[in-house]
Each structure stands twice: as structure tokens, then as C-alpha cells.
N, C-alpha and C. Protein backbone atom coordinates (compact mmCIF):
# COMPACT_ATOMS: atom_id res chain seq x y z
N MET A 1 -92.34 49.22 128.06
CA MET A 1 -91.60 49.89 129.15
C MET A 1 -90.12 50.04 128.80
N THR A 2 -89.60 49.08 128.01
CA THR A 2 -88.18 49.15 127.66
C THR A 2 -87.86 50.42 126.87
N LYS A 3 -88.83 50.88 126.05
CA LYS A 3 -88.61 52.11 125.28
C LYS A 3 -88.71 53.34 126.16
N LEU A 4 -89.43 53.21 127.26
CA LEU A 4 -89.65 54.35 128.14
C LEU A 4 -88.45 54.61 129.04
N ILE A 5 -87.79 53.57 129.50
CA ILE A 5 -86.72 53.72 130.49
C ILE A 5 -85.58 54.62 129.98
N PRO A 6 -85.05 54.42 128.77
CA PRO A 6 -83.98 55.32 128.31
C PRO A 6 -84.44 56.77 128.20
N LEU A 7 -85.70 56.97 127.80
CA LEU A 7 -86.22 58.33 127.70
C LEU A 7 -86.31 58.98 129.07
N LEU A 8 -86.80 58.24 130.06
CA LEU A 8 -86.87 58.78 131.41
C LEU A 8 -85.48 59.09 131.95
N GLN A 9 -84.51 58.26 131.62
CA GLN A 9 -83.14 58.53 132.05
C GLN A 9 -82.63 59.83 131.43
N SER A 10 -83.00 60.09 130.19
CA SER A 10 -82.62 61.35 129.54
C SER A 10 -83.30 62.53 130.20
N VAL A 11 -84.58 62.36 130.56
CA VAL A 11 -85.31 63.43 131.26
C VAL A 11 -84.66 63.73 132.59
N GLU A 12 -84.34 62.70 133.34
CA GLU A 12 -83.74 62.88 134.66
C GLU A 12 -82.38 63.57 134.59
N ALA A 13 -81.69 63.40 133.47
CA ALA A 13 -80.36 63.99 133.30
C ALA A 13 -80.42 65.34 132.58
N CYS A 14 -81.62 65.81 132.29
CA CYS A 14 -81.78 67.02 131.48
C CYS A 14 -81.20 68.25 132.17
N THR A 15 -80.46 69.06 131.41
CA THR A 15 -79.92 70.33 131.91
C THR A 15 -80.19 71.45 130.91
N LEU A 16 -81.23 71.29 130.08
CA LEU A 16 -81.51 72.25 129.00
C LEU A 16 -81.57 73.69 129.48
N CYS A 17 -82.24 73.90 130.63
CA CYS A 17 -82.43 75.28 131.09
C CYS A 17 -81.75 75.51 132.45
N ALA A 18 -80.70 74.75 132.72
CA ALA A 18 -80.03 74.82 134.03
C ALA A 18 -79.62 76.24 134.41
N GLU A 19 -79.19 77.02 133.44
CA GLU A 19 -78.71 78.38 133.75
C GLU A 19 -79.82 79.29 134.25
N HIS A 20 -81.07 78.91 134.02
CA HIS A 20 -82.20 79.73 134.44
C HIS A 20 -82.83 79.26 135.76
N LEU A 21 -82.35 78.16 136.31
CA LEU A 21 -82.97 77.55 137.48
C LEU A 21 -82.20 77.91 138.75
N PRO A 22 -82.81 78.67 139.66
CA PRO A 22 -82.08 79.12 140.85
C PRO A 22 -81.64 77.99 141.77
N LEU A 23 -82.37 76.88 141.78
CA LEU A 23 -82.01 75.75 142.63
C LEU A 23 -81.39 74.61 141.82
N GLY A 24 -81.15 74.86 140.55
CA GLY A 24 -80.57 73.82 139.70
C GLY A 24 -81.61 72.85 139.19
N PRO A 25 -81.22 71.99 138.23
CA PRO A 25 -82.16 71.03 137.67
C PRO A 25 -82.49 69.91 138.66
N ARG A 26 -83.77 69.58 138.74
CA ARG A 26 -84.22 68.36 139.41
C ARG A 26 -85.58 68.00 138.82
N PRO A 27 -85.58 67.39 137.64
CA PRO A 27 -86.84 67.08 136.98
C PRO A 27 -87.72 66.16 137.83
N VAL A 28 -88.98 66.54 137.96
CA VAL A 28 -89.94 65.76 138.75
C VAL A 28 -91.04 65.28 137.81
N VAL A 29 -90.94 64.02 137.41
CA VAL A 29 -91.89 63.40 136.49
C VAL A 29 -92.11 61.96 136.95
N ARG A 30 -93.36 61.52 136.90
CA ARG A 30 -93.66 60.12 137.23
C ARG A 30 -94.61 59.57 136.17
N ILE A 31 -94.11 58.68 135.34
CA ILE A 31 -94.98 58.10 134.33
C ILE A 31 -94.65 56.63 134.15
N SER A 32 -95.58 55.91 133.52
CA SER A 32 -95.33 54.53 133.11
C SER A 32 -96.15 54.27 131.86
N SER A 33 -95.79 53.24 131.14
CA SER A 33 -96.48 52.93 129.90
C SER A 33 -97.87 52.36 130.13
N SER A 34 -98.18 51.99 131.37
CA SER A 34 -99.50 51.41 131.66
C SER A 34 -100.49 52.42 132.22
N ALA A 35 -100.05 53.64 132.51
CA ALA A 35 -100.92 54.64 133.15
C ALA A 35 -102.14 54.94 132.27
N ARG A 36 -103.27 55.19 132.94
CA ARG A 36 -104.50 55.50 132.23
C ARG A 36 -104.98 56.92 132.49
N ILE A 37 -104.41 57.57 133.51
CA ILE A 37 -104.73 58.97 133.80
C ILE A 37 -103.43 59.76 133.78
N LEU A 38 -103.48 60.92 133.13
CA LEU A 38 -102.31 61.79 133.05
C LEU A 38 -102.64 63.14 133.70
N VAL A 39 -101.86 63.53 134.68
CA VAL A 39 -102.01 64.81 135.36
C VAL A 39 -100.93 65.76 134.85
N ILE A 40 -101.36 66.85 134.21
CA ILE A 40 -100.41 67.85 133.71
C ILE A 40 -100.65 69.15 134.46
N GLY A 41 -99.72 69.51 135.32
CA GLY A 41 -99.84 70.72 136.10
C GLY A 41 -98.87 71.79 135.63
N GLN A 42 -98.38 72.57 136.56
CA GLN A 42 -97.57 73.73 136.24
C GLN A 42 -96.08 73.40 136.31
N ALA A 43 -95.51 73.49 137.50
CA ALA A 43 -94.10 73.18 137.72
C ALA A 43 -93.91 72.96 139.22
N PRO A 44 -92.89 72.23 139.61
CA PRO A 44 -92.67 72.00 141.05
C PRO A 44 -92.42 73.30 141.79
N GLY A 45 -92.89 73.35 143.02
CA GLY A 45 -92.52 74.43 143.93
C GLY A 45 -91.28 74.03 144.71
N THR A 46 -90.91 74.84 145.67
CA THR A 46 -89.68 74.55 146.42
C THR A 46 -89.79 73.27 147.25
N LYS A 47 -90.98 73.01 147.82
CA LYS A 47 -91.14 71.79 148.63
C LYS A 47 -91.00 70.55 147.77
N VAL A 48 -91.63 70.57 146.59
CA VAL A 48 -91.53 69.43 145.68
C VAL A 48 -90.10 69.30 145.15
N HIS A 49 -89.45 70.42 144.89
CA HIS A 49 -88.05 70.36 144.46
C HIS A 49 -87.21 69.66 145.52
N ALA A 50 -87.47 69.97 146.78
CA ALA A 50 -86.67 69.37 147.85
C ALA A 50 -86.95 67.88 148.02
N SER A 51 -88.22 67.49 147.90
CA SER A 51 -88.58 66.09 148.14
C SER A 51 -88.47 65.21 146.90
N GLY A 52 -88.64 65.83 145.72
CA GLY A 52 -88.67 65.05 144.49
C GLY A 52 -89.99 64.33 144.28
N ILE A 53 -90.98 64.62 145.12
CA ILE A 53 -92.29 63.98 145.04
C ILE A 53 -93.30 64.97 144.49
N PRO A 54 -93.90 64.72 143.33
CA PRO A 54 -94.83 65.69 142.75
C PRO A 54 -96.08 65.88 143.60
N TRP A 55 -96.57 67.11 143.62
CA TRP A 55 -97.78 67.45 144.37
C TRP A 55 -97.65 67.09 145.84
N ASP A 56 -96.46 67.22 146.37
CA ASP A 56 -96.18 66.89 147.78
C ASP A 56 -96.35 68.15 148.63
N ASP A 57 -97.55 68.72 148.59
CA ASP A 57 -97.80 69.98 149.28
C ASP A 57 -99.30 70.17 149.46
N ALA A 58 -99.71 71.33 149.94
CA ALA A 58 -101.13 71.60 150.17
C ALA A 58 -101.94 71.52 148.88
N SER A 59 -101.35 71.97 147.78
CA SER A 59 -102.03 71.88 146.48
C SER A 59 -102.32 70.43 146.12
N GLY A 60 -101.35 69.58 146.37
CA GLY A 60 -101.53 68.16 146.06
C GLY A 60 -102.60 67.52 146.92
N ARG A 61 -102.68 67.90 148.17
CA ARG A 61 -103.72 67.33 149.05
C ARG A 61 -105.10 67.71 148.53
N ARG A 62 -105.25 68.97 148.11
CA ARG A 62 -106.55 69.38 147.58
C ARG A 62 -106.84 68.68 146.25
N LEU A 63 -105.84 68.54 145.40
CA LEU A 63 -106.05 67.85 144.13
C LEU A 63 -106.52 66.42 144.35
N ARG A 64 -105.89 65.70 145.27
CA ARG A 64 -106.29 64.33 145.54
C ARG A 64 -107.71 64.28 146.11
N GLN A 65 -108.08 65.31 146.89
CA GLN A 65 -109.44 65.36 147.42
C GLN A 65 -110.43 65.58 146.28
N TRP A 66 -110.10 66.49 145.36
CA TRP A 66 -110.96 66.69 144.18
C TRP A 66 -111.12 65.39 143.40
N MET A 67 -110.02 64.68 143.21
CA MET A 67 -110.03 63.45 142.41
C MET A 67 -110.70 62.29 143.13
N GLY A 68 -110.74 62.36 144.46
CA GLY A 68 -111.30 61.26 145.23
C GLY A 68 -110.40 60.05 145.26
N VAL A 69 -109.08 60.28 145.27
CA VAL A 69 -108.13 59.17 145.29
C VAL A 69 -107.23 59.27 146.52
N SER A 70 -106.75 58.14 146.96
CA SER A 70 -105.84 58.09 148.10
C SER A 70 -104.44 58.51 147.66
N ASP A 71 -103.61 58.84 148.64
CA ASP A 71 -102.20 59.13 148.34
C ASP A 71 -101.56 57.95 147.62
N GLU A 72 -101.85 56.74 148.12
CA GLU A 72 -101.24 55.54 147.57
C GLU A 72 -101.58 55.37 146.09
N LEU A 73 -102.84 55.58 145.74
CA LEU A 73 -103.25 55.43 144.34
C LEU A 73 -102.69 56.57 143.49
N PHE A 74 -102.73 57.78 144.00
CA PHE A 74 -102.24 58.93 143.25
C PHE A 74 -100.77 58.76 142.86
N TYR A 75 -99.99 58.18 143.77
CA TYR A 75 -98.56 58.02 143.51
C TYR A 75 -98.19 56.67 142.89
N ASN A 76 -99.20 55.92 142.49
CA ASN A 76 -98.94 54.65 141.80
C ASN A 76 -98.85 54.95 140.30
N ARG A 77 -97.65 55.07 139.81
CA ARG A 77 -97.44 55.50 138.42
C ARG A 77 -97.97 54.49 137.41
N GLU A 78 -98.23 53.27 137.85
CA GLU A 78 -98.81 52.28 136.94
C GLU A 78 -100.22 52.69 136.51
N HIS A 79 -100.87 53.53 137.32
CA HIS A 79 -102.24 53.96 137.04
C HIS A 79 -102.33 55.45 136.71
N ILE A 80 -101.57 56.28 137.43
CA ILE A 80 -101.66 57.73 137.27
C ILE A 80 -100.27 58.29 136.96
N ALA A 81 -100.15 58.93 135.81
CA ALA A 81 -98.89 59.56 135.41
C ALA A 81 -98.94 61.04 135.75
N ILE A 82 -97.80 61.59 136.12
CA ILE A 82 -97.70 63.01 136.49
C ILE A 82 -96.57 63.64 135.69
N MET A 83 -96.94 64.63 134.87
CA MET A 83 -95.97 65.26 133.98
C MET A 83 -96.29 66.76 133.91
N PRO A 84 -95.59 67.59 134.66
CA PRO A 84 -95.90 69.02 134.64
C PRO A 84 -95.43 69.70 133.37
N MET A 85 -95.87 70.93 133.18
CA MET A 85 -95.42 71.70 132.02
C MET A 85 -93.93 72.01 132.11
N GLY A 86 -93.47 72.32 133.31
CA GLY A 86 -92.05 72.51 133.57
C GLY A 86 -91.62 71.50 134.61
N PHE A 87 -90.55 70.75 134.34
CA PHE A 87 -90.18 69.65 135.22
C PHE A 87 -89.40 70.09 136.45
N CYS A 88 -88.85 71.30 136.42
CA CYS A 88 -88.02 71.78 137.53
C CYS A 88 -88.58 73.07 138.11
N TYR A 89 -88.22 73.36 139.35
CA TYR A 89 -88.64 74.60 139.99
C TYR A 89 -88.08 75.79 139.21
N PRO A 90 -88.96 76.71 138.74
CA PRO A 90 -88.50 77.78 137.86
C PRO A 90 -87.99 79.03 138.58
N GLY A 91 -88.23 79.12 139.89
CA GLY A 91 -87.82 80.33 140.60
C GLY A 91 -89.01 81.17 141.02
N LYS A 92 -88.73 82.16 141.82
CA LYS A 92 -89.77 83.02 142.39
C LYS A 92 -89.95 84.28 141.57
N GLY A 93 -91.21 84.64 141.33
CA GLY A 93 -91.54 85.87 140.64
C GLY A 93 -92.12 86.89 141.60
N LYS A 94 -92.71 87.95 141.06
CA LYS A 94 -93.25 89.02 141.90
C LYS A 94 -94.47 88.57 142.69
N SER A 95 -95.28 87.68 142.11
CA SER A 95 -96.49 87.24 142.79
C SER A 95 -96.62 85.73 142.73
N GLY A 96 -95.64 85.05 143.27
CA GLY A 96 -95.63 83.60 143.24
C GLY A 96 -94.48 83.09 142.39
N ASP A 97 -94.53 81.80 142.07
CA ASP A 97 -93.46 81.20 141.27
C ASP A 97 -93.51 81.71 139.83
N LEU A 98 -92.36 81.70 139.19
CA LEU A 98 -92.29 82.05 137.78
C LEU A 98 -93.03 81.02 136.93
N PRO A 99 -93.38 81.36 135.70
CA PRO A 99 -94.00 80.37 134.81
C PRO A 99 -93.08 79.19 134.57
N PRO A 100 -93.64 78.05 134.20
CA PRO A 100 -92.79 76.90 133.86
C PRO A 100 -91.85 77.25 132.71
N ARG A 101 -90.66 76.72 132.75
CA ARG A 101 -89.75 76.91 131.63
C ARG A 101 -90.34 76.26 130.39
N PRO A 102 -90.29 76.91 129.23
CA PRO A 102 -90.93 76.37 128.03
C PRO A 102 -90.18 75.19 127.39
N GLU A 103 -88.92 75.01 127.76
CA GLU A 103 -88.12 73.96 127.13
C GLU A 103 -88.69 72.55 127.39
N CYS A 104 -89.26 72.35 128.57
CA CYS A 104 -89.71 71.00 128.95
C CYS A 104 -90.79 70.48 128.02
N ALA A 105 -91.87 71.23 127.91
CA ALA A 105 -92.99 70.76 127.08
C ALA A 105 -92.56 70.61 125.63
N ALA A 106 -91.81 71.59 125.13
CA ALA A 106 -91.39 71.55 123.73
C ALA A 106 -90.47 70.36 123.44
N THR A 107 -89.67 69.98 124.41
CA THR A 107 -88.68 68.91 124.19
C THR A 107 -89.20 67.53 124.57
N TRP A 108 -89.91 67.44 125.68
CA TRP A 108 -90.18 66.14 126.27
C TRP A 108 -91.62 65.65 126.22
N HIS A 109 -92.59 66.56 126.15
CA HIS A 109 -93.98 66.10 126.28
C HIS A 109 -94.39 65.10 125.20
N GLN A 110 -94.15 65.43 123.95
CA GLN A 110 -94.61 64.51 122.90
C GLN A 110 -93.96 63.13 123.00
N PRO A 111 -92.64 63.04 123.13
CA PRO A 111 -92.07 61.69 123.23
C PRO A 111 -92.54 60.92 124.47
N LEU A 112 -92.77 61.63 125.57
CA LEU A 112 -93.28 60.93 126.76
C LEU A 112 -94.72 60.48 126.54
N ARG A 113 -95.53 61.33 125.96
CA ARG A 113 -96.93 60.95 125.72
C ARG A 113 -97.02 59.78 124.73
N GLU A 114 -96.13 59.73 123.78
CA GLU A 114 -96.13 58.62 122.82
C GLU A 114 -95.86 57.28 123.50
N ARG A 115 -95.22 57.33 124.64
CA ARG A 115 -94.91 56.09 125.36
C ARG A 115 -95.93 55.80 126.46
N MET A 116 -97.04 56.53 126.44
CA MET A 116 -98.16 56.25 127.35
C MET A 116 -99.42 56.00 126.51
N PRO A 117 -99.50 54.85 125.86
CA PRO A 117 -100.58 54.61 124.89
C PRO A 117 -101.94 54.35 125.51
N HIS A 118 -102.00 54.18 126.82
CA HIS A 118 -103.28 53.79 127.45
C HIS A 118 -103.97 54.93 128.18
N ILE A 119 -103.49 56.16 128.01
CA ILE A 119 -104.12 57.29 128.69
C ILE A 119 -105.55 57.48 128.19
N GLU A 120 -106.50 57.47 129.13
CA GLU A 120 -107.91 57.68 128.81
C GLU A 120 -108.42 59.02 129.33
N LEU A 121 -107.74 59.58 130.33
CA LEU A 121 -108.19 60.83 130.93
C LEU A 121 -106.99 61.71 131.22
N THR A 122 -107.03 62.95 130.73
CA THR A 122 -105.96 63.91 130.97
C THR A 122 -106.52 65.09 131.74
N LEU A 123 -105.89 65.42 132.86
CA LEU A 123 -106.28 66.57 133.68
C LEU A 123 -105.31 67.70 133.39
N LEU A 124 -105.83 68.80 132.86
CA LEU A 124 -105.03 69.98 132.55
C LEU A 124 -105.25 70.99 133.67
N ILE A 125 -104.25 71.14 134.52
CA ILE A 125 -104.41 71.92 135.74
C ILE A 125 -103.71 73.26 135.60
N GLY A 126 -104.52 74.33 135.60
CA GLY A 126 -103.97 75.67 135.51
C GLY A 126 -103.82 76.15 134.08
N GLN A 127 -103.59 77.46 133.97
CA GLN A 127 -103.60 78.09 132.65
C GLN A 127 -102.47 77.66 131.73
N TYR A 128 -101.30 77.33 132.27
CA TYR A 128 -100.19 76.98 131.39
C TYR A 128 -100.44 75.68 130.64
N ALA A 129 -100.93 74.68 131.34
CA ALA A 129 -101.25 73.40 130.70
C ALA A 129 -102.40 73.58 129.72
N GLN A 130 -103.39 74.35 130.11
CA GLN A 130 -104.56 74.55 129.25
C GLN A 130 -104.22 75.35 128.01
N ASN A 131 -103.44 76.40 128.16
CA ASN A 131 -103.06 77.21 127.01
C ASN A 131 -102.22 76.42 126.01
N TYR A 132 -101.44 75.49 126.52
CA TYR A 132 -100.57 74.70 125.65
C TYR A 132 -101.36 73.63 124.90
N TYR A 133 -102.30 73.00 125.58
CA TYR A 133 -102.96 71.83 125.00
C TYR A 133 -104.34 72.10 124.42
N LEU A 134 -104.98 73.17 124.81
CA LEU A 134 -106.33 73.42 124.34
C LEU A 134 -106.35 74.56 123.32
N GLN A 135 -106.84 74.28 122.16
CA GLN A 135 -107.02 75.30 121.13
C GLN A 135 -108.46 75.77 121.20
N ASP A 136 -108.73 76.71 122.08
CA ASP A 136 -110.10 77.17 122.26
C ASP A 136 -110.15 78.69 122.26
N HIS A 137 -111.34 79.23 122.41
CA HIS A 137 -111.53 80.68 122.31
C HIS A 137 -111.76 81.33 123.67
N TYR A 138 -111.63 80.57 124.73
CA TYR A 138 -111.93 81.13 126.05
C TYR A 138 -110.82 82.09 126.48
N ARG A 139 -111.21 83.19 127.08
CA ARG A 139 -110.26 84.25 127.41
C ARG A 139 -109.66 84.10 128.80
N THR A 140 -110.36 83.42 129.69
CA THR A 140 -109.87 83.27 131.06
C THR A 140 -109.98 81.82 131.50
N LEU A 141 -109.23 81.47 132.53
CA LEU A 141 -109.32 80.13 133.08
C LEU A 141 -110.73 79.88 133.61
N THR A 142 -111.32 80.87 134.27
CA THR A 142 -112.67 80.69 134.82
C THR A 142 -113.67 80.37 133.71
N GLU A 143 -113.60 81.11 132.63
CA GLU A 143 -114.51 80.88 131.51
C GLU A 143 -114.30 79.48 130.93
N ARG A 144 -113.05 79.09 130.83
CA ARG A 144 -112.75 77.77 130.28
C ARG A 144 -113.29 76.67 131.19
N VAL A 145 -113.01 76.75 132.49
CA VAL A 145 -113.46 75.69 133.40
C VAL A 145 -114.98 75.66 133.46
N GLN A 146 -115.63 76.81 133.34
CA GLN A 146 -117.09 76.86 133.34
C GLN A 146 -117.68 76.06 132.18
N HIS A 147 -116.94 75.95 131.10
CA HIS A 147 -117.42 75.22 129.91
C HIS A 147 -116.83 73.82 129.86
N TRP A 148 -116.70 73.20 130.99
CA TRP A 148 -116.10 71.88 131.08
C TRP A 148 -116.84 70.83 130.25
N ARG A 149 -118.13 71.03 130.03
CA ARG A 149 -118.90 70.06 129.23
C ARG A 149 -118.52 70.11 127.75
N ASP A 150 -117.89 71.19 127.31
CA ASP A 150 -117.63 71.38 125.89
C ASP A 150 -116.32 70.77 125.39
N PHE A 151 -115.51 70.27 126.30
CA PHE A 151 -114.22 69.75 125.89
C PHE A 151 -114.32 68.31 125.40
N PRO A 152 -113.36 67.87 124.60
CA PRO A 152 -113.41 66.49 124.09
C PRO A 152 -113.42 65.49 125.24
N ALA A 153 -114.00 64.34 124.97
CA ALA A 153 -114.00 63.27 125.97
C ALA A 153 -112.56 62.95 126.35
N GLY A 154 -112.36 62.76 127.64
CA GLY A 154 -111.03 62.41 128.10
C GLY A 154 -110.15 63.57 128.47
N VAL A 155 -110.70 64.79 128.45
CA VAL A 155 -109.92 65.98 128.84
C VAL A 155 -110.74 66.80 129.82
N ILE A 156 -110.15 67.14 130.97
CA ILE A 156 -110.82 67.99 131.95
C ILE A 156 -109.88 69.12 132.33
N ALA A 157 -110.37 70.36 132.20
CA ALA A 157 -109.60 71.54 132.59
C ALA A 157 -109.96 71.92 134.02
N LEU A 158 -108.94 72.07 134.86
CA LEU A 158 -109.16 72.37 136.28
C LEU A 158 -108.39 73.63 136.68
N PRO A 159 -108.91 74.36 137.67
CA PRO A 159 -108.11 75.44 138.24
C PRO A 159 -106.97 74.84 139.05
N HIS A 160 -105.99 75.65 139.36
CA HIS A 160 -104.91 75.14 140.21
C HIS A 160 -105.45 74.98 141.64
N PRO A 161 -105.15 73.86 142.29
CA PRO A 161 -105.67 73.63 143.64
C PRO A 161 -104.88 74.33 144.75
N SER A 162 -104.08 75.29 144.40
CA SER A 162 -103.28 76.02 145.38
C SER A 162 -104.15 76.70 146.44
N PRO A 163 -103.68 76.78 147.69
CA PRO A 163 -104.39 77.57 148.70
C PRO A 163 -104.58 79.02 148.27
N ARG A 164 -103.73 79.51 147.37
CA ARG A 164 -103.89 80.87 146.87
C ARG A 164 -105.21 81.05 146.11
N ASN A 165 -105.79 79.94 145.68
CA ASN A 165 -107.03 80.00 144.90
C ASN A 165 -108.28 79.84 145.77
N GLN A 166 -108.14 79.95 147.07
CA GLN A 166 -109.29 79.80 147.95
C GLN A 166 -110.39 80.81 147.62
N LEU A 167 -110.02 82.04 147.31
CA LEU A 167 -111.01 83.06 146.97
C LEU A 167 -111.73 82.68 145.68
N TRP A 168 -111.00 82.16 144.70
CA TRP A 168 -111.62 81.72 143.45
C TRP A 168 -112.67 80.65 143.72
N LEU A 169 -112.34 79.70 144.58
CA LEU A 169 -113.28 78.62 144.89
C LEU A 169 -114.53 79.16 145.57
N LYS A 170 -114.36 80.15 146.43
CA LYS A 170 -115.52 80.75 147.10
C LYS A 170 -116.40 81.50 146.12
N LYS A 171 -115.77 82.15 145.14
CA LYS A 171 -116.52 82.92 144.15
C LYS A 171 -117.19 82.03 143.10
N ASN A 172 -116.69 80.80 142.98
CA ASN A 172 -117.19 79.89 141.94
C ASN A 172 -117.62 78.55 142.57
N PRO A 173 -118.67 78.57 143.38
CA PRO A 173 -119.09 77.34 144.07
C PRO A 173 -119.54 76.24 143.11
N TRP A 174 -119.92 76.60 141.90
CA TRP A 174 -120.33 75.62 140.91
C TRP A 174 -119.22 74.61 140.61
N PHE A 175 -117.96 75.03 140.82
CA PHE A 175 -116.86 74.11 140.50
C PHE A 175 -116.93 72.87 141.38
N GLU A 176 -117.02 73.06 142.67
CA GLU A 176 -117.05 71.90 143.57
C GLU A 176 -118.41 71.21 143.56
N GLN A 177 -119.45 71.91 143.14
CA GLN A 177 -120.78 71.32 143.08
C GLN A 177 -120.99 70.49 141.82
N GLU A 178 -120.37 70.92 140.71
CA GLU A 178 -120.63 70.27 139.43
C GLU A 178 -119.40 69.57 138.84
N VAL A 179 -118.28 70.28 138.81
CA VAL A 179 -117.11 69.74 138.12
C VAL A 179 -116.44 68.63 138.93
N VAL A 180 -116.30 68.83 140.23
CA VAL A 180 -115.63 67.82 141.06
C VAL A 180 -116.36 66.47 141.02
N PRO A 181 -117.70 66.44 141.16
CA PRO A 181 -118.38 65.14 141.04
C PRO A 181 -118.18 64.49 139.66
N PHE A 182 -118.19 65.32 138.60
CA PHE A 182 -117.94 64.79 137.26
C PHE A 182 -116.53 64.22 137.17
N LEU A 183 -115.54 64.94 137.71
CA LEU A 183 -114.15 64.48 137.72
C LEU A 183 -114.04 63.13 138.42
N ARG A 184 -114.65 63.01 139.58
CA ARG A 184 -114.58 61.75 140.33
C ARG A 184 -115.24 60.62 139.57
N ALA A 185 -116.36 60.91 138.92
CA ALA A 185 -117.04 59.87 138.16
C ALA A 185 -116.19 59.40 136.98
N GLU A 186 -115.52 60.34 136.32
CA GLU A 186 -114.65 59.98 135.21
C GLU A 186 -113.47 59.13 135.68
N ILE A 187 -112.90 59.49 136.81
CA ILE A 187 -111.78 58.72 137.35
C ILE A 187 -112.24 57.32 137.74
N ARG A 188 -113.41 57.23 138.33
CA ARG A 188 -113.95 55.91 138.70
C ARG A 188 -114.20 55.07 137.44
N SER A 189 -114.68 55.72 136.39
CA SER A 189 -114.94 54.99 135.15
C SER A 189 -113.65 54.45 134.54
N VAL A 190 -112.57 55.25 134.63
CA VAL A 190 -111.29 54.84 134.03
C VAL A 190 -110.58 53.80 134.87
N LEU A 191 -110.52 54.02 136.17
CA LEU A 191 -109.72 53.14 137.04
C LEU A 191 -110.50 51.98 137.62
N GLY A 192 -111.82 52.15 137.75
CA GLY A 192 -112.64 51.09 138.32
C GLY A 192 -112.79 51.21 139.82
N SER A 193 -113.90 50.70 140.31
CA SER A 193 -114.22 50.81 141.73
C SER A 193 -113.24 50.06 142.61
N ASP A 194 -112.71 48.94 142.12
CA ASP A 194 -111.83 48.13 142.96
C ASP A 194 -110.61 48.92 143.42
N LEU A 195 -110.00 49.68 142.52
CA LEU A 195 -108.82 50.48 142.88
C LEU A 195 -109.20 51.62 143.82
N LEU A 196 -110.31 52.29 143.54
CA LEU A 196 -110.68 53.47 144.32
C LEU A 196 -111.18 53.09 145.70
N ASP A 197 -111.76 51.95 145.83
CA ASP A 197 -112.34 51.53 147.12
C ASP A 197 -111.40 50.66 147.94
N ALA A 198 -110.23 50.38 147.38
CA ALA A 198 -109.28 49.50 148.09
C ALA A 198 -108.77 50.17 149.35
């Protein structure tokens, strides 16, 4: 943990892309050296930027429901680490938020991951995380998530749990029928029943 603290302090003070951030820098990352699950999403929205709490919105509520974990467990960084592709709110685009700034992953992901040696399960949420971490031939997020059985052990690709994706969920009922139970079983295997049932 001693090696992690100075790095986190550098992340918190990061201003690499400040000139591109309409609300200014406010990196939102929660990790610890003991975490066994790593959640890699997109980037904070305006609500998360304001609160400083990752997944502190409707998307986060759905994600926790998919995972089958309580708010308390989800936010316990000793067990679950949260590291988005972009650490700060990137601004508004024509159809939702802009993509995560590329500086974060390129600068911070590897050194942060090196200080989390106990990660057993990584959740790649949305196309940005998947495109960065998965070297595969799938052309769409839907095609990729459909082939969830084909990924290496310890990696699960998920759609974004945003309310904007409600139509996607209706069109792809197999996700909640097949992938969500698998996700919950994997989380239970990694964290154990005692934590999940507490």
C-alpha cells in the first residue's frame, strides 16, 4: 500500500488534460492493493463529477444490481477497485458525453494495475474499455458481449448499464438471462459468500 499512496496522490493532482475539461480536473478513482475485482468503465458524468463518488447514478445502481452486490460492498475499495478509462468528466457531445480523454489510460492504467496484484476478475464496461483492453475481431459491442464465453478467464465484457441502453437490453434478453447470472457467480467465487451475504 505504501507504493500505491504516492501514485494515487499523483493521480488526484493530475492536470494532464485540464485545458480540455469543461468542469476542470477531478479524477475519480478508487483502488487498493488488496482489491480482487476491478471495474473499468467509461468516464464520470456530471453527477459523479459533482459528488466524487464513482457510479453514483442510475447507471451505477443497475451495475450493482447486475453484479449482485450491495452499495456498501461495491464502494469498499479493499475488495472492489474502480478505475475508468477517463478519470474526469470529458464534457458533452452531440449524443451524450464525449469519449474519455485518452491521456488517463495511457498514463495511469499500467502503473495503477501493477499495484493491484490480487485482481482476479476485471469487468470491462462499454466499448472504450473493451476496445482498449481486448484484442479481438468483434465488430460491435453486441457481438463481443454475445461471445462472453470466449474471453480469457477473469475478464467479462459488459454493455454500459446506462438508462440510455434500455432498448438494447430489451432487444438482447439473453444478456440478463445468461451473462448476468454468470457475472454474479464469478463475483461470488472471487469474493466469497460471506461478503455477499453480509
